[in-house]
Each structure stands twice: as C-alpha cells, then as structure tokens.
Amino acid sequence: MNSKLNLLLYAFAVFAVFMILTWILKSVGGKLPVENGIWGVYKDSDFLLGVVVAGIVTLSHVQKRKLRK
C-alpha cells in the first residue's frame, strides 16, 4: 500500500481512538449530554483537539520509522 495512504489511515485510527476515549470518559464522568454539542457528546474543541493529537502522534510515528531505517 502507498506510504501516504498508510499514514492517513494511521492518523484516522488515532483520531477515532481519541474520540472513543473522549466519549467513554465523558459518559463515565457523568458529563453527558453536552449542551450545544455534536450528537450531544462532542464540542467543537474536542474535534480540534482530536485532530491535533492525531497529527502529533502521526508525526512521532513517522520519526520513529525513520530512525529504524
């Protein structure tokens, strides 16, 4: 598979895991439903933070792969 496609899939997987963990932590903490939230669960800042975390983890993964070669 193409290297760039692998990185996109990796970033999407990290984003999905982040959003699932956010949902679990909010439901366990009794913070649901969120007012003015998307699906009553996520705020806009949750999506932005998820994208940032996915970007940072993906860049870290790329650097780790470069060190192994």
C-alpha atoms as a PDB file:
ATOM      1  CA  MET A   1       0.000   0.000   0.000  1.00  0.00           C
ATOM      2  CA  ASN A   2       1.117   3.555  -0.605  1.00  0.00           C
ATOM      3  CA  SER A   3       3.104   5.094   2.257  1.00  0.00           C
ATOM      4  CA  LYS A   4       0.985   8.267   2.340  1.00  0.00           C
ATOM      5  CA  LEU A   5      -2.215   6.221   2.448  1.00  0.00           C
ATOM      6  CA  ASN A   6      -0.819   4.232   5.376  1.00  0.00           C
ATOM      7  CA  LEU A   7      -0.100   7.475   7.228  1.00  0.00           C
ATOM      8  CA  LEU A   8      -3.624   8.762   6.571  1.00  0.00           C
ATOM      9  CA  LEU A   9      -5.103   5.514   7.862  1.00  0.00           C
ATOM     10  CA  TYR A  10      -2.853   5.699  10.922  1.00  0.00           C
ATOM     11  CA  ALA A  11      -3.911   9.298  11.613  1.00  0.00           C
ATOM     12  CA  PHE A  12      -7.590   8.402  11.189  1.00  0.00           C
ATOM     13  CA  ALA A  13      -7.209   5.458  13.570  1.00  0.00           C
ATOM     14  CA  VAL A  14      -5.565   7.687  16.193  1.00  0.00           C
ATOM     15  CA  PHE A  15      -8.380  10.238  15.773  1.00  0.00           C
ATOM     16  CA  ALA A  16     -11.041   7.532  16.136  1.00  0.00           C
ATOM     17  CA  VAL A  17      -9.416   6.107  19.276  1.00  0.00           C
ATOM     18  CA  PHE A  18      -9.183   9.605  20.760  1.00  0.00           C
ATOM     19  CA  MET A  19     -12.862  10.297  20.083  1.00  0.00           C
ATOM     20  CA  ILE A  20     -13.944   6.931  21.530  1.00  0.00           C
ATOM     21  CA  LEU A  21     -11.883   7.516  24.670  1.00  0.00           C
ATOM     22  CA  THR A  22     -13.376  11.010  24.975  1.00  0.00           C
ATOM     23  CA  TRP A  23     -16.883   9.561  24.743  1.00  0.00           C
ATOM     24  CA  ILE A  24     -16.119   6.865  27.336  1.00  0.00           C
ATOM     25  CA  LEU A  25     -14.562   9.316  29.788  1.00  0.00           C
ATOM     26  CA  LYS A  26     -17.448  11.761  29.428  1.00  0.00           C
ATOM     27  CA  SER A  27     -20.044   9.045  29.915  1.00  0.00           C
ATOM     28  CA  VAL A  28     -18.270   7.598  32.973  1.00  0.00           C
ATOM     29  CA  GLY A  29     -17.798  11.082  34.431  1.00  0.00           C
ATOM     30  CA  GLY A  30     -21.466  11.942  34.019  1.00  0.00           C
ATOM     31  CA  LYS A  31     -20.771  14.825  31.639  1.00  0.00           C
ATOM     32  CA  LEU A  32     -23.296  13.720  29.002  1.00  0.00           C
ATOM     33  CA  PRO A  33     -25.245  15.186  27.259  1.00  0.00           C
ATOM     34  CA  VAL A  34     -23.188  18.237  26.314  1.00  0.00           C
ATOM     35  CA  GLU A  35     -25.187  21.365  25.580  1.00  0.00           C
ATOM     36  CA  ASN A  36     -24.696  22.639  22.024  1.00  0.00           C
ATOM     37  CA  GLY A  37     -22.570  19.586  21.353  1.00  0.00           C
ATOM     38  CA  ILE A  38     -22.444  17.477  18.236  1.00  0.00           C
ATOM     39  CA  TRP A  39     -24.592  14.367  18.868  1.00  0.00           C
ATOM     40  CA  GLY A  40     -24.836  15.578  22.460  1.00  0.00           C
ATOM     41  CA  VAL A  41     -21.337  14.255  23.112  1.00  0.00           C
ATOM     42  CA  TYR A  42     -18.593  16.314  21.440  1.00  0.00           C
ATOM     43  CA  LYS A  43     -17.814  20.015  21.425  1.00  0.00           C
ATOM     44  CA  ASP A  44     -16.001  21.654  18.522  1.00  0.00           C
ATOM     45  CA  SER A  45     -12.899  21.830  20.697  1.00  0.00           C
ATOM     46  CA  ASP A  46     -12.973  18.026  21.090  1.00  0.00           C
ATOM     47  CA  PHE A  47     -12.708  17.607  17.318  1.00  0.00           C
ATOM     48  CA  LEU A  48      -9.922  20.182  17.083  1.00  0.00           C
ATOM     49  CA  LEU A  49      -8.016  18.539  19.925  1.00  0.00           C
ATOM     50  CA  GLY A  50      -8.508  15.141  18.272  1.00  0.00           C
ATOM     51  CA  VAL A  51      -7.013  16.421  15.014  1.00  0.00           C
ATOM     52  CA  VAL A  52      -4.048  17.946  16.857  1.00  0.00           C
ATOM     53  CA  VAL A  53      -3.404  14.745  18.827  1.00  0.00           C
ATOM     54  CA  ALA A  54      -3.682  12.637  15.663  1.00  0.00           C
ATOM     55  CA  GLY A  55      -1.214  14.930  13.895  1.00  0.00           C
ATOM     56  CA  ILE A  56       1.326  14.847  16.698  1.00  0.00           C
ATOM     57  CA  VAL A  57       1.118  11.070  17.174  1.00  0.00           C
ATOM     58  CA  THR A  58       1.402  10.510  13.405  1.00  0.00           C
ATOM     59  CA  LEU A  59       4.460  12.771  13.150  1.00  0.00           C
ATOM     60  CA  SER A  60       6.016  10.886  16.057  1.00  0.00           C
ATOM     61  CA  HIS A  61       5.290   7.610  14.267  1.00  0.00           C
ATOM     62  CA  VAL A  62       6.969   8.907  11.086  1.00  0.00           C
ATOM     63  CA  GLN A  63      10.083   9.961  13.016  1.00  0.00           C
ATOM     64  CA  LYS A  64      10.221   6.578  14.736  1.00  0.00           C
ATOM     65  CA  ARG A  65      10.027   4.801  11.370  1.00  0.00           C
ATOM     66  CA  LYS A  66      12.862   6.952  10.013  1.00  0.00           C
ATOM     67  CA  LEU A  67      15.080   6.044  12.973  1.00  0.00           C
ATOM     68  CA  ARG A  68      14.550   2.330  12.397  1.00  0.00           C
ATOM     69  CA  LYS A  69      15.777   2.503   8.792  1.00  0.00           C
END
